[in-house]
Amino acid sequence: MEKVTSSIENIEAEAEKLLESARSKANEILVKANEESQQILSSELSLDKVKAECKKIVDKAKEEADSKVEDSRKKAQAIKIEAGKKAEGIVKRMLNIITGVKSR
């Protein structure tokens, strides 16, 4: 009977050690999680800075794109005008050829 009692006491002691180890490990995990959450919360300030910097970059890119689009519109308009002048010149030359007027 003593052996059985001793074995039960040993098993209970081992169970207590395992339970205490599990509690200790759980506390370590909670402390670590708390530290990480504090880091994440404190890093939100830098995240705001990153977001602000991203907005600046996007705004600058939009501004540059708008500028390039406007320049392209101006160039396209100039090309259109020049093409119109050339077409007008060609039409005049063809008309002169048809009517027999000598060109210069």
Protein backbone atom coordinates (compact mmCIF):
# COMPACT_ATOMS: atom_id res chain seq x y z
CA MET A 1 0.00 0.00 0.00
CA GLU A 2 2.89 2.32 0.74
CA LYS A 3 4.20 1.82 -2.80
CA VAL A 4 0.84 2.80 -4.26
CA THR A 5 0.63 5.87 -2.04
CA SER A 6 4.20 6.81 -2.86
CA SER A 7 3.57 6.38 -6.60
CA ILE A 8 0.44 8.53 -6.39
CA GLU A 9 2.34 11.22 -4.49
CA ASN A 10 5.12 11.10 -7.10
CA ILE A 11 2.59 11.39 -9.93
CA GLU A 12 0.87 14.31 -8.15
CA ALA A 13 4.23 16.03 -7.61
CA GLU A 14 5.15 15.55 -11.26
CA ALA A 15 1.74 16.87 -12.31
CA GLU A 16 2.26 19.95 -10.10
CA LYS A 17 5.68 20.55 -11.70
CA LEU A 18 4.16 20.26 -15.18
CA LEU A 19 1.31 22.56 -14.23
CA GLU A 20 3.71 25.14 -12.78
CA SER A 21 5.90 24.90 -15.88
CA ALA A 22 2.85 25.43 -18.09
CA ARG A 23 1.77 28.45 -16.03
CA SER A 24 5.27 29.89 -16.24
CA LYS A 25 5.39 29.36 -20.01
CA ALA A 26 1.93 30.92 -20.41
CA ASN A 27 3.04 33.97 -18.41
CA GLU A 28 6.16 34.31 -20.58
CA ILE A 29 4.01 34.16 -23.70
CA LEU A 30 1.63 36.79 -22.32
CA VAL A 31 4.50 39.10 -21.37
CA LYS A 32 6.07 38.72 -24.80
CA ALA A 33 2.72 39.31 -26.53
CA ASN A 34 2.18 42.41 -24.41
CA GLU A 35 5.64 43.75 -25.34
CA GLU A 36 5.00 43.10 -29.02
CA SER A 37 1.62 44.80 -28.89
CA GLN A 38 3.26 47.83 -27.26
CA GLN A 39 5.84 47.91 -30.04
CA ILE A 40 3.11 47.72 -32.65
CA LEU A 41 1.16 50.50 -30.97
CA SER A 42 4.22 52.70 -30.70
CA SER A 43 5.12 52.02 -34.33
CA GLU A 44 1.80 53.46 -35.50
CA LEU A 45 3.39 56.89 -35.28
CA SER A 46 6.03 55.87 -37.78
CA LEU A 47 3.31 54.22 -39.85
CA ASP A 48 1.55 57.58 -39.98
CA LYS A 49 4.81 59.11 -41.19
CA VAL A 50 5.08 56.45 -43.87
CA LYS A 51 1.49 57.07 -44.95
CA ALA A 52 2.18 60.82 -45.11
CA GLU A 53 5.30 60.22 -47.18
CA CYS A 54 3.36 57.90 -49.51
CA LYS A 55 0.71 60.58 -49.96
CA LYS A 56 3.41 63.14 -50.82
CA ILE A 57 4.91 60.79 -53.38
CA VAL A 58 1.53 60.03 -54.93
CA ASP A 59 0.59 63.72 -55.02
CA LYS A 60 3.91 64.61 -56.66
CA ALA A 61 3.48 61.79 -59.19
CA LYS A 62 -0.04 63.01 -60.03
CA GLU A 63 1.27 66.56 -60.43
CA GLU A 64 4.04 65.38 -62.77
CA ALA A 65 1.60 63.22 -64.73
CA ASP A 66 -0.81 66.14 -65.11
CA SER A 67 2.05 68.33 -66.30
CA LYS A 68 3.15 65.73 -68.86
CA VAL A 69 -0.41 65.30 -70.08
CA GLU A 70 -0.74 69.06 -70.53
CA ASP A 71 2.59 69.21 -72.40
CA SER A 72 1.42 66.36 -74.62
CA ARG A 73 -1.85 68.15 -75.34
CA LYS A 74 0.08 71.28 -76.36
CA LYS A 75 2.40 69.25 -78.62
CA ALA A 76 -0.55 67.43 -80.15
CA GLN A 77 -2.28 70.73 -80.82
CA ALA A 78 0.88 72.14 -82.43
CA ILE A 79 1.22 69.03 -84.61
CA LYS A 80 -2.44 69.31 -85.60
CA ILE A 81 -1.99 72.94 -86.61
CA GLU A 82 1.20 72.15 -88.54
CA ALA A 83 -0.49 69.22 -90.30
CA GLY A 84 -3.37 71.50 -91.24
CA LYS A 85 -0.95 74.05 -92.71
CA LYS A 86 0.85 71.36 -94.69
CA ALA A 87 -2.43 69.94 -95.96
CA GLU A 88 -3.52 73.44 -96.98
CA GLY A 89 -0.25 73.91 -98.86
CA ILE A 90 -0.66 70.60 -100.65
CA VAL A 91 -4.23 71.44 -101.62
CA LYS A 92 -3.09 74.83 -103.03
CA ARG A 93 -0.33 73.16 -105.03
CA MET A 94 -2.76 70.57 -106.41
CA LEU A 95 -5.24 73.33 -107.28
CA ASN A 96 -2.50 75.29 -109.02
CA ILE A 97 -1.46 72.21 -110.97
CA ILE A 98 -5.07 71.51 -112.01
CA THR A 99 -5.78 75.12 -112.96
CA GLY A 100 -2.46 75.52 -114.69
CA VAL A 101 -1.13 78.24 -112.42
CA LYS A 102 2.62 78.04 -112.18
CA SER A 103 4.07 77.60 -108.74
CA ARG A 104 7.02 79.65 -107.60
